[in-house]
Amino acid sequence: MEKIEREGYPTITTNFVVAEAHALILSNLGANVAREWLTELSIPIWQVDKSEEDSAKEIIFKFKDKEYSLTDAISFVVMKKIGTKKAFAFDRHFKQFGYQFFE
């Protein structure tokens, strides 16, 4: 993340990623840390609309041999919409779908 910020790459996440991350922090670190994380979150958040969610579901049903989560598929839809091919992610599904990781 430091390299992304240092090199000036634009950053964005979705409300689905925020919800998933919050649940992970909550279950592993507790409610206080999860609330603090939400309070300090400063990255722009893309509010997914119904058409984007529907497009994500289409990806899930099209690629029956993959185990894309709804959050992954929504990320793919938004990334295509904004025209980026690089993800700050640790999930192999992004590479399966053709995206690159920041290194």
PDB file of N, CA and C in Angstrom:
ATOM      1  N   MET A   1       0.827  -1.196   0.000  1.00  0.00           N
ATOM      2  CA  MET A   1       0.000   0.000   0.000  1.00  0.00           C
ATOM      3  C   MET A   1       0.865   1.252   0.000  1.00  0.00           C
ATOM      4  N   GLU A   2       1.993   1.187   0.723  1.00  0.00           N
ATOM      5  CA  GLU A   2       2.896   2.346   0.755  1.00  0.00           C
ATOM      6  C   GLU A   2       3.407   2.677  -0.643  1.00  0.00           C
ATOM      7  N   LYS A   3       3.768   1.658  -1.429  1.00  0.00           N
ATOM      8  CA  LYS A   3       4.258   1.885  -2.789  1.00  0.00           C
ATOM      9  C   LYS A   3       3.159   2.504  -3.658  1.00  0.00           C
ATOM     10  N   ILE A   4       1.948   2.026  -3.513  1.00  0.00           N
ATOM     11  CA  ILE A   4       0.822   2.562  -4.283  1.00  0.00           C
ATOM     12  C   ILE A   4       0.648   4.046  -3.981  1.00  0.00           C
ATOM     13  N   GLU A   5       0.679   4.392  -2.695  1.00  0.00           N
ATOM     14  CA  GLU A   5       0.542   5.796  -2.298  1.00  0.00           C
ATOM     15  C   GLU A   5       1.740   6.623  -2.757  1.00  0.00           C
ATOM     16  N   ARG A   6       2.945   6.088  -2.573  1.00  0.00           N
ATOM     17  CA  ARG A   6       4.172   6.806  -2.931  1.00  0.00           C
ATOM     18  C   ARG A   6       4.227   7.102  -4.432  1.00  0.00           C
ATOM     19  N   GLU A   7       3.780   6.142  -5.247  1.00  0.00           N
ATOM     20  CA  GLU A   7       3.849   6.306  -6.696  1.00  0.00           C
ATOM     21  C   GLU A   7       2.597   6.975  -7.275  1.00  0.00           C
ATOM     22  N   GLY A   8       1.667   7.345  -6.406  1.00  0.00           N
ATOM     23  CA  GLY A   8       0.519   8.138  -6.834  1.00  0.00           C
ATOM     24  C   GLY A   8      -0.569   7.402  -7.585  1.00  0.00           C
ATOM     25  N   TYR A   9      -0.642   6.083  -7.436  1.00  0.00           N
ATOM     26  CA  TYR A   9      -1.732   5.346  -8.076  1.00  0.00           C
ATOM     27  C   TYR A   9      -3.053   5.715  -7.410  1.00  0.00           C
ATOM     28  N   PRO A  10      -4.091   5.916  -8.193  1.00  0.00           N
ATOM     29  CA  PRO A  10      -5.395   6.189  -7.578  1.00  0.00           C
ATOM     30  C   PRO A  10      -5.910   4.933  -6.888  1.00  0.00           C
ATOM     31  N   THR A  11      -6.574   5.117  -5.769  1.00  0.00           N
ATOM     32  CA  THR A  11      -7.112   3.977  -5.035  1.00  0.00           C
ATOM     33  C   THR A  11      -8.614   4.135  -4.860  1.00  0.00           C
ATOM     34  N   ILE A  12      -9.276   3.007  -4.888  1.00  0.00           N
ATOM     35  CA  ILE A  12     -10.724   2.966  -4.703  1.00  0.00           C
ATOM     36  C   ILE A  12     -11.069   1.564  -4.227  1.00  0.00           C
ATOM     37  N   THR A  13     -12.120   1.455  -3.472  1.00  0.00           N
ATOM     38  CA  THR A  13     -12.636   0.152  -3.079  1.00  0.00           C
ATOM     39  C   THR A  13     -14.149   0.207  -3.199  1.00  0.00           C
ATOM     40  N   THR A  14     -14.799  -0.917  -2.971  1.00  0.00           N
ATOM     41  CA  THR A  14     -16.259  -0.942  -3.045  1.00  0.00           C
ATOM     42  C   THR A  14     -16.850  -1.126  -1.654  1.00  0.00           C
ATOM     43  N   ASN A  15     -18.120  -0.794  -1.541  1.00  0.00           N
ATOM     44  CA  ASN A  15     -18.808  -1.012  -0.276  1.00  0.00           C
ATOM     45  C   ASN A  15     -18.841  -2.504   0.080  1.00  0.00           C
ATOM     46  N   PHE A  16     -18.796  -3.383  -0.915  1.00  0.00           N
ATOM     47  CA  PHE A  16     -18.758  -4.820  -0.637  1.00  0.00           C
ATOM     48  C   PHE A  16     -17.428  -5.216   0.002  1.00  0.00           C
ATOM     49  N   VAL A  17     -16.328  -4.654  -0.481  1.00  0.00           N
ATOM     50  CA  VAL A  17     -15.010  -4.943   0.105  1.00  0.00           C
ATOM     51  C   VAL A  17     -14.943  -4.395   1.530  1.00  0.00           C
ATOM     52  N   VAL A  18     -15.484  -3.204   1.740  1.00  0.00           N
ATOM     53  CA  VAL A  18     -15.504  -2.626   3.089  1.00  0.00           C
ATOM     54  C   VAL A  18     -16.263  -3.545   4.044  1.00  0.00           C
ATOM     55  N   ALA A  19     -17.424  -4.030   3.620  1.00  0.00           N
ATOM     56  CA  ALA A  19     -18.215  -4.919   4.479  1.00  0.00           C
ATOM     57  C   ALA A  19     -17.467  -6.219   4.771  1.00  0.00           C
ATOM     58  N   GLU A  20     -16.823  -6.774   3.754  1.00  0.00           N
ATOM     59  CA  GLU A  20     -16.076  -8.021   3.935  1.00  0.00           C
ATOM     60  C   GLU A  20     -14.872  -7.815   4.859  1.00  0.00           C
ATOM     61  N   ALA A  21     -14.157  -6.725   4.666  1.00  0.00           N
ATOM     62  CA  ALA A  21     -12.992  -6.427   5.511  1.00  0.00           C
ATOM     63  C   ALA A  21     -13.425  -6.165   6.952  1.00  0.00           C
ATOM     64  N   HIS A  22     -14.509  -5.429   7.129  1.00  0.00           N
ATOM     65  CA  HIS A  22     -15.002  -5.156   8.475  1.00  0.00           C
ATOM     66  C   HIS A  22     -15.340  -6.452   9.204  1.00  0.00           C
ATOM     67  N   ALA A  23     -16.022  -7.362   8.523  1.00  0.00           N
ATOM     68  CA  ALA A  23     -16.379  -8.647   9.133  1.00  0.00           C
ATOM     69  C   ALA A  23     -15.127  -9.434   9.526  1.00  0.00           C
ATOM     70  N   LEU A  24     -14.106  -9.403   8.683  1.00  0.00           N
ATOM     71  CA  LEU A  24     -12.852 -10.101   8.975  1.00  0.00           C
ATOM     72  C   LEU A  24     -12.150  -9.490  10.185  1.00  0.00           C
ATOM     73  N   ILE A  25     -12.066  -8.169  10.217  1.00  0.00           N
ATOM     74  CA  ILE A  25     -11.443  -7.485  11.354  1.00  0.00           C
ATOM     75  C   ILE A  25     -12.231  -7.743  12.628  1.00  0.00           C
ATOM     76  N   LEU A  26     -13.535  -7.668  12.537  1.00  0.00           N
ATOM     77  CA  LEU A  26     -14.407  -7.907  13.690  1.00  0.00           C
ATOM     78  C   LEU A  26     -14.191  -9.305  14.265  1.00  0.00           C
ATOM     79  N   SER A  27     -14.156 -10.304  13.417  1.00  0.00           N
ATOM     80  CA  SER A  27     -14.032 -11.678  13.905  1.00  0.00           C
ATOM     81  C   SER A  27     -12.635 -12.006  14.411  1.00  0.00           C
ATOM     82  N   ASN A  28     -11.629 -11.312  13.902  1.00  0.00           N
ATOM     83  CA  ASN A  28     -10.255 -11.621  14.305  1.00  0.00           C
ATOM     84  C   ASN A  28      -9.688 -10.681  15.368  1.00  0.00           C
ATOM     85  N   LEU A  29     -10.126  -9.433  15.364  1.00  0.00           N
ATOM     86  CA  LEU A  29      -9.516  -8.442  16.259  1.00  0.00           C
ATOM     87  C   LEU A  29     -10.501  -7.790  17.215  1.00  0.00           C
ATOM     88  N   GLY A  30     -11.788  -8.011  17.003  1.00  0.00           N
ATOM     89  CA  GLY A  30     -12.785  -7.496  17.928  1.00  0.00           C
ATOM     90  C   GLY A  30     -13.475  -6.232  17.451  1.00  0.00           C
ATOM     91  N   ALA A  31     -14.557  -5.922  18.172  1.00  0.00           N
ATOM     92  CA  ALA A  31     -15.433  -4.815  17.782  1.00  0.00           C
ATOM     93  C   ALA A  31     -14.747  -3.457  17.866  1.00  0.00           C
ATOM     94  N   ASN A  32     -13.939  -3.225  18.898  1.00  0.00           N
ATOM     95  CA  ASN A  32     -13.295  -1.913  19.027  1.00  0.00           C
ATOM     96  C   ASN A  32     -12.366  -1.623  17.859  1.00  0.00           C
ATOM     97  N   VAL A  33     -11.571  -2.605  17.478  1.00  0.00           N
ATOM     98  CA  VAL A  33     -10.649  -2.420  16.352  1.00  0.00           C
ATOM     99  C   VAL A  33     -11.438  -2.245  15.054  1.00  0.00           C
ATOM    100  N   ALA A  34     -12.505  -3.012  14.893  1.00  0.00           N
ATOM    101  CA  ALA A  34     -13.324  -2.908  13.691  1.00  0.00           C
ATOM    102  C   ALA A  34     -13.972  -1.529  13.581  1.00  0.00           C
ATOM    103  N   ARG A  35     -14.464  -1.005  14.701  1.00  0.00           N
ATOM    104  CA  ARG A  35     -15.053   0.349  14.678  1.00  0.00           C
ATOM    105  C   ARG A  35     -13.987   1.398  14.374  1.00  0.00           C
ATOM    106  N   GLU A  36     -12.828   1.254  14.980  1.00  0.00           N
ATOM    107  CA  GLU A  36     -11.735   2.206  14.725  1.00  0.00           C
ATOM    108  C   GLU A  36     -11.340   2.179  13.253  1.00  0.00           C
ATOM    109  N   TRP A  37     -11.266   0.990  12.678  1.00  0.00           N
ATOM    110  CA  TRP A  37     -10.915   0.863  11.258  1.00  0.00           C
ATOM    111  C   TRP A  37     -11.934   1.600  10.399  1.00  0.00           C
ATOM    112  N   LEU A  38     -13.221   1.419  10.686  1.00  0.00           N
ATOM    113  CA  LEU A  38     -14.262   2.124   9.928  1.00  0.00           C
ATOM    114  C   LEU A  38     -14.125   3.634  10.066  1.00  0.00           C
ATOM    115  N   THR A  39     -13.802   4.099  11.271  1.00  0.00           N
ATOM    116  CA  THR A  39     -13.659   5.530  11.524  1.00  0.00           C
ATOM    117  C   THR A  39     -12.495   6.121  10.737  1.00  0.00           C
ATOM    118  N   GLU A  40     -11.409   5.365  10.632  1.00  0.00           N
ATOM    119  CA  GLU A  40     -10.186   5.875   9.988  1.00  0.00           C
ATOM    120  C   GLU A  40     -10.116   5.595   8.491  1.00  0.00           C
ATOM    121  N   LEU A  41     -11.061   4.860   7.960  1.00  0.00           N
ATOM    122  CA  LEU A  41     -11.060   4.514   6.547  1.00  0.00           C
ATOM    123  C   LEU A  41     -11.138   5.782   5.696  1.00  0.00           C
ATOM    124  N   SER A  42     -10.139   5.984   4.850  1.00  0.00           N
ATOM    125  CA  SER A  42     -10.086   7.233   4.082  1.00  0.00           C
ATOM    126  C   SER A  42     -10.065   7.019   2.567  1.00  0.00           C
ATOM    127  N   ILE A  43     -10.119   5.796   2.128  1.00  0.00           N
ATOM    128  CA  ILE A  43     -10.086   5.503   0.698  1.00  0.00           C
ATOM    129  C   ILE A  43     -11.476   5.775   0.096  1.00  0.00           C
ATOM    130  N   PRO A  44     -11.542   6.285  -1.133  1.00  0.00           N
ATOM    131  CA  PRO A  44     -12.857   6.476  -1.765  1.00  0.00           C
ATOM    132  C   PRO A  44     -13.586   5.132  -1.920  1.00  0.00           C
ATOM    133  N   ILE A  45     -14.897   5.157  -1.647  1.00  0.00           N
ATOM    134  CA  ILE A  45     -15.691   3.929  -1.693  1.00  0.00           C
ATOM    135  C   ILE A  45     -16.715   4.028  -2.817  1.00  0.00           C
ATOM    136  N   TRP A  46     -16.646   3.072  -3.719  1.00  0.00           N
ATOM    137  CA  TRP A  46     -17.572   2.964  -4.841  1.00  0.00           C
ATOM    138  C   TRP A  46     -18.821   2.249  -4.330  1.00  0.00           C
ATOM    139  N   GLN A  47     -19.968   2.916  -4.419  1.00  0.00           N
ATOM    140  CA  GLN A  47     -21.233   2.310  -4.003  1.00  0.00           C
ATOM    141  C   GLN A  47     -21.790   1.508  -5.187  1.00  0.00           C
ATOM    142  N   VAL A  48     -21.777   0.221  -5.051  1.00  0.00           N
ATOM    143  CA  VAL A  48     -22.197  -0.672  -6.124  1.00  0.00           C
ATOM    144  C   VAL A  48     -23.697  -0.528  -6.365  1.00  0.00           C
ATOM    145  N   ASP A  49     -24.072  -0.418  -7.630  1.00  0.00           N
ATOM    146  CA  ASP A  49     -25.500  -0.335  -7.953  1.00  0.00           C
ATOM    147  C   ASP A  49     -26.019  -1.698  -8.429  1.00  0.00           C
ATOM    148  N   LYS A  50     -27.309  -1.768  -8.658  1.00  0.00           N
ATOM    149  CA  LYS A  50     -27.945  -3.041  -9.016  1.00  0.00           C
ATOM    150  C   LYS A  50     -27.398  -3.612 -10.314  1.00  0.00           C
ATOM    151  N   SER A  51     -27.163  -2.778 -11.305  1.00  0.00           N
ATOM    152  CA  SER A  51     -26.661  -3.284 -12.591  1.00  0.00           C
ATOM    153  C   SER A  51     -25.259  -3.882 -12.430  1.00  0.00           C
ATOM    154  N   GLU A  52     -24.443  -3.266 -11.595  1.00  0.00           N
ATOM    155  CA  GLU A  52     -23.095  -3.800 -11.349  1.00  0.00           C
ATOM    156  C   GLU A  52     -23.172  -5.127 -10.584  1.00  0.00           C
ATOM    157  N   GLU A  53     -24.086  -5.185  -9.629  1.00  0.00           N
ATOM    158  CA  GLU A  53     -24.283  -6.428  -8.891  1.00  0.00           C
ATOM    159  C   GLU A  53     -24.794  -7.533  -9.825  1.00  0.00           C
ATOM    160  N   ASP A  54     -25.707  -7.190 -10.711  1.00  0.00           N
ATOM    161  CA  ASP A  54     -26.211  -8.167 -11.683  1.00  0.00           C
ATOM    162  C   ASP A  54     -25.095  -8.644 -12.614  1.00  0.00           C
ATOM    163  N   SER A  55     -24.232  -7.728 -13.050  1.00  0.00           N
ATOM    164  CA  SER A  55     -23.096  -8.101 -13.906  1.00  0.00           C
ATOM    165  C   SER A  55     -22.152  -9.037 -13.169  1.00  0.00           C
ATOM    166  N   ALA A  56     -21.958  -8.792 -11.891  1.00  0.00           N
ATOM    167  CA  ALA A  56     -21.102  -9.657 -11.082  1.00  0.00           C
ATOM    168  C   ALA A  56     -21.692 -11.059 -10.970  1.00  0.00           C
ATOM    169  N   LYS A  57     -22.981 -11.132 -10.795  1.00  0.00           N
ATOM    170  CA  LYS A  57     -23.649 -12.442 -10.725  1.00  0.00           C
ATOM    171  C   LYS A  57     -23.506 -13.187 -12.043  1.00  0.00           C
ATOM    172  N   GLU A  58     -23.571 -12.459 -13.146  1.00  0.00           N
ATOM    173  CA  GLU A  58     -23.366 -13.090 -14.457  1.00  0.00           C
ATOM    174  C   GLU A  58     -21.985 -13.723 -14.547  1.00  0.00           C
ATOM    175  N   ILE A  59     -20.975 -13.048 -14.015  1.00  0.00           N
ATOM    176  CA  ILE A  59     -19.615 -13.608 -14.004  1.00  0.00           C
ATOM    177  C   ILE A  59     -19.589 -14.904 -13.210  1.00  0.00           C
ATOM    178  N   ILE A  60     -20.209 -14.897 -12.053  1.00  0.00           N
ATOM    179  CA  ILE A  60     -20.222 -16.089 -11.192  1.00  0.00           C
ATOM    180  C   ILE A  60     -20.870 -17.272 -11.913  1.00  0.00           C
ATOM    181  N   PHE A  61     -21.983 -17.028 -12.599  1.00  0.00           N
ATOM    182  CA  PHE A  61     -22.683 -18.118 -13.286  1.00  0.00           C
ATOM    183  C   PHE A  61     -22.013 -18.519 -14.598  1.00  0.00           C
ATOM    184  N   LYS A  62     -21.309 -17.585 -15.215  1.00  0.00           N
ATOM    185  CA  LYS A  62     -20.611 -17.893 -16.469  1.00  0.00           C
ATOM    186  C   LYS A  62     -19.393 -18.786 -16.228  1.00  0.00           C
ATOM    187  N   PHE A  63     -18.642 -18.506 -15.172  1.00  0.00           N
ATOM    188  CA  PHE A  63     -17.411 -19.238 -14.901  1.00  0.00           C
ATOM    189  C   PHE A  63     -17.663 -20.286 -13.810  1.00  0.00           C
ATOM    190  N   LYS A  64     -18.380 -21.328 -14.176  1.00  0.00           N
ATOM    191  CA  LYS A  64     -18.784 -22.354 -13.216  1.00  0.00           C
ATOM    192  C   LYS A  64     -17.597 -23.150 -12.669  1.00  0.00           C
ATOM    193  N   ASP A  65     -16.466 -23.119 -13.380  1.00  0.00           N
ATOM    194  CA  ASP A  65     -15.289 -23.846 -12.914  1.00  0.00           C
ATOM    195  C   ASP A  65     -14.462 -23.033 -11.908  1.00  0.00           C
ATOM    196  N   LYS A  66     -14.882 -21.808 -11.604  1.00  0.00           N
ATOM    197  CA  LYS A  66     -14.167 -20.930 -10.659  1.00  0.00           C
ATOM    198  C   LYS A  66     -15.006 -20.731  -9.411  1.00  0.00           C
ATOM    199  N   GLU A  67     -14.352 -20.320  -8.356  1.00  0.00           N
ATOM    200  CA  GLU A  67     -15.037 -20.058  -7.093  1.00  0.00           C
ATOM    201  C   GLU A  67     -14.968 -18.578  -6.745  1.00  0.00           C
ATOM    202  N   TYR A  68     -15.391 -17.732  -7.686  1.00  0.00           N
ATOM    203  CA  TYR A  68     -15.387 -16.299  -7.449  1.00  0.00           C
ATOM    204  C   TYR A  68     -16.463 -15.940  -6.426  1.00  0.00           C
ATOM    205  N   SER A  69     -16.085 -15.166  -5.429  1.00  0.00           N
ATOM    206  CA  SER A  69     -17.086 -14.662  -4.489  1.00  0.00           C
ATOM    207  C   SER A  69     -17.821 -13.501  -5.156  1.00  0.00           C
ATOM    208  N   LEU A  70     -18.953 -13.140  -4.608  1.00  0.00           N
ATOM    209  CA  LEU A  70     -19.690 -11.993  -5.132  1.00  0.00           C
ATOM    210  C   LEU A  70     -18.841 -10.732  -5.004  1.00  0.00           C
ATOM    211  N   THR A  71     -18.110 -10.605  -3.907  1.00  0.00           N
ATOM    212  CA  THR A  71     -17.234  -9.440  -3.724  1.00  0.00           C
ATOM    213  C   THR A  71     -16.145  -9.409  -4.791  1.00  0.00           C
ATOM    214  N   ASP A  72     -15.540 -10.556  -5.084  1.00  0.00           N
ATOM    215  CA  ASP A  72     -14.531 -10.620  -6.157  1.00  0.00           C
ATOM    216  C   ASP A  72     -15.133 -10.162  -7.481  1.00  0.00           C
ATOM    217  N   ALA A  73     -16.272 -10.751  -7.827  1.00  0.00           N
ATOM    218  CA  ALA A  73     -16.887 -10.459  -9.119  1.00  0.00           C
ATOM    219  C   ALA A  73     -17.296  -8.992  -9.226  1.00  0.00           C
ATOM    220  N   ILE A  74     -17.780  -8.422  -8.146  1.00  0.00           N
ATOM    221  CA  ILE A  74     -18.103  -6.999  -8.155  1.00  0.00           C
ATOM    222  C   ILE A  74     -16.849  -6.176  -8.375  1.00  0.00           C
ATOM    223  N   SER A  75     -15.762  -6.573  -7.743  1.00  0.00           N
ATOM    224  CA  SER A  75     -14.493  -5.874  -7.958  1.00  0.00           C
ATOM    225  C   SER A  75     -14.087  -5.936  -9.425  1.00  0.00           C
ATOM    226  N   PHE A  76     -14.252  -7.098 -10.059  1.00  0.00           N
ATOM    227  CA  PHE A  76     -13.914  -7.222 -11.482  1.00  0.00           C
ATOM    228  C   PHE A  76     -14.747  -6.254 -12.328  1.00  0.00           C
ATOM    229  N   VAL A  77     -16.028  -6.171 -12.028  1.00  0.00           N
ATOM    230  CA  VAL A  77     -16.935  -5.287 -12.774  1.00  0.00           C
ATOM    231  C   VAL A  77     -16.509  -3.828 -12.613  1.00  0.00           C
ATOM    232  N   VAL A  78     -16.235  -3.423 -11.396  1.00  0.00           N
ATOM    233  CA  VAL A  78     -15.846  -2.032 -11.135  1.00  0.00           C
ATOM    234  C   VAL A  78     -14.484  -1.736 -11.757  1.00  0.00           C
ATOM    235  N   MET A  79     -13.548  -2.675 -11.648  1.00  0.00           N
ATOM    236  CA  MET A  79     -12.231  -2.459 -12.236  1.00  0.00           C
ATOM    237  C   MET A  79     -12.335  -2.280 -13.751  1.00  0.00           C
ATOM    238  N   LYS A  80     -13.173  -3.075 -14.381  1.00  0.00           N
ATOM    239  CA  LYS A  80     -13.371  -2.921 -15.834  1.00  0.00           C
ATOM    240  C   LYS A  80     -13.980  -1.557 -16.139  1.00  0.00           C
ATOM    241  N   LYS A  81     -14.945  -1.159 -15.326  1.00  0.00           N
ATOM    242  CA  LYS A  81     -15.643   0.109 -15.545  1.00  0.00           C
ATOM    243  C   LYS A  81     -14.696   1.303 -15.445  1.00  0.00           C
ATOM    244  N   ILE A  82     -13.758   1.259 -14.494  1.00  0.00           N
ATOM    245  CA  ILE A  82     -12.836   2.388 -14.329  1.00  0.00           C
ATOM    246  C   ILE A  82     -11.571   2.238 -15.173  1.00  0.00           C
ATOM    247  N   GLY A  83     -11.406   1.074 -15.806  1.00  0.00           N
ATOM    248  CA  GLY A  83     -10.304   0.884 -16.743  1.00  0.00           C
ATOM    249  C   GLY A  83      -8.967   0.573 -16.116  1.00  0.00           C
ATOM    250  N   THR A  84      -8.963  -0.188 -15.040  1.00  0.00           N
ATOM    251  CA  THR A  84      -7.693  -0.565 -14.429  1.00  0.00           C
ATOM    252  C   THR A  84      -7.454  -2.060 -14.579  1.00  0.00           C
ATOM    253  N   LYS A  85      -6.181  -2.449 -14.649  1.00  0.00           N
ATOM    254  CA  LYS A  85      -5.811  -3.863 -14.748  1.00  0.00           C
ATOM    255  C   LYS A  85      -4.994  -4.308 -13.538  1.00  0.00           C
ATOM    256  N   LYS A  86      -4.812  -3.410 -12.551  1.00  0.00           N
ATOM    257  CA  LYS A  86      -4.016  -3.758 -11.377  1.00  0.00           C
ATOM    258  C   LYS A  86      -4.863  -3.687 -10.118  1.00  0.00           C
ATOM    259  N   ALA A  87      -4.672  -4.681  -9.261  1.00  0.00           N
ATOM    260  CA  ALA A  87      -5.430  -4.757  -8.018  1.00  0.00           C
ATOM    261  C   ALA A  87      -4.482  -4.845  -6.830  1.00  0.00           C
ATOM    262  N   PHE A  88      -4.849  -4.170  -5.756  1.00  0.00           N
ATOM    263  CA  PHE A  88      -4.172  -4.363  -4.482  1.00  0.00           C
ATOM    264  C   PHE A  88      -4.946  -5.482  -3.799  1.00  0.00           C
ATOM    265  N   ALA A  89      -4.509  -6.707  -4.059  1.00  0.00           N
ATOM    266  CA  ALA A  89      -5.235  -7.883  -3.583  1.00  0.00           C
ATOM    267  C   ALA A  89      -4.252  -9.012  -3.333  1.00  0.00           C
ATOM    268  N   PHE A  90      -4.726  -9.990  -2.589  1.00  0.00           N
ATOM    269  CA  PHE A  90      -3.933 -11.179  -2.304  1.00  0.00           C
ATOM    270  C   PHE A  90      -4.676 -12.429  -2.760  1.00  0.00           C
ATOM    271  N   ASP A  91      -5.721 -12.231  -3.501  1.00  0.00           N
ATOM    272  CA  ASP A  91      -6.644 -13.283  -3.894  1.00  0.00           C
ATOM    273  C   ASP A  91      -6.298 -13.764  -5.303  1.00  0.00           C
ATOM    274  N   ARG A  92      -6.001 -15.038  -5.432  1.00  0.00           N
ATOM    275  CA  ARG A  92      -5.613 -15.621  -6.726  1.00  0.00           C
ATOM    276  C   ARG A  92      -6.692 -15.452  -7.791  1.00  0.00           C
ATOM    277  N   HIS A  93      -7.921 -15.237  -7.371  1.00  0.00           N
ATOM    278  CA  HIS A  93      -9.008 -15.091  -8.325  1.00  0.00           C
ATOM    279  C   HIS A  93      -8.824 -13.880  -9.236  1.00  0.00           C
ATOM    280  N   PHE A  94      -8.168 -12.844  -8.737  1.00  0.00           N
ATOM    281  CA  PHE A  94      -7.925 -11.668  -9.575  1.00  0.00           C
ATOM    282  C   PHE A  94      -6.993 -12.027 -10.728  1.00  0.00           C
ATOM    283  N   LYS A  95      -5.956 -12.812 -10.438  1.00  0.00           N
ATOM    284  CA  LYS A  95      -5.059 -13.250 -11.513  1.00  0.00           C
ATOM    285  C   LYS A  95      -5.779 -14.191 -12.467  1.00  0.00           C
ATOM    286  N   GLN A  96      -6.624 -15.084 -11.937  1.00  0.00           N
ATOM    287  CA  GLN A  96      -7.408 -15.982 -12.790  1.00  0.00           C
ATOM    288  C   GLN A  96      -8.258 -15.192 -13.771  1.00  0.00           C
ATOM    289  N   PHE A  97      -8.759 -14.059 -13.326  1.00  0.00           N
ATOM    290  CA  PHE A  97      -9.642 -13.249 -14.167  1.00  0.00           C
ATOM    291  C   PHE A  97      -8.870 -12.295 -15.079  1.00  0.00           C
ATOM    292  N   GLY A  98      -7.539 -12.284 -14.957  1.00  0.00           N
ATOM    293  CA  GLY A  98      -6.720 -11.504 -15.872  1.00  0.00           C
ATOM    294  C   GLY A  98      -6.152 -10.215 -15.319  1.00  0.00           C
ATOM    295  N   TYR A  99      -6.295  -9.985 -14.025  1.00  0.00           N
ATOM    296  CA  TYR A  99      -5.758  -8.765 -13.420  1.00  0.00           C
ATOM    297  C   TYR A  99      -4.370  -9.012 -12.856  1.00  0.00           C
ATOM    298  N   GLN A 100      -3.619  -7.950 -12.710  1.00  0.00           N
ATOM    299  CA  GLN A 100      -2.266  -8.009 -12.162  1.00  0.00           C
ATOM    300  C   GLN A 100      -2.290  -7.483 -10.745  1.00  0.00           C
ATOM    301  N   PHE A 101      -1.311  -7.913  -9.956  1.00  0.00           N
ATOM    302  CA  PHE A 101      -1.146  -7.401  -8.595  1.00  0.00           C
ATOM    303  C   PHE A 101      -0.065  -6.331  -8.601  1.00  0.00           C
ATOM    304  N   PHE A 102      -0.182  -5.385  -7.680  1.00  0.00           N
ATOM    305  CA  PHE A 102       0.905  -4.433  -7.460  1.00  0.00           C
ATOM    306  C   PHE A 102       2.026  -5.198  -6.780  1.00  0.00           C
ATOM    307  N   GLU A 103       3.243  -4.943  -7.216  1.00  0.00           N
ATOM    308  CA  GLU A 103       4.405  -5.621  -6.603  1.00  0.00           C
ATOM    309  C   GLU A 103       5.396  -4.620  -6.113  1.00  0.00           C
TER     310      GLU A 103
END
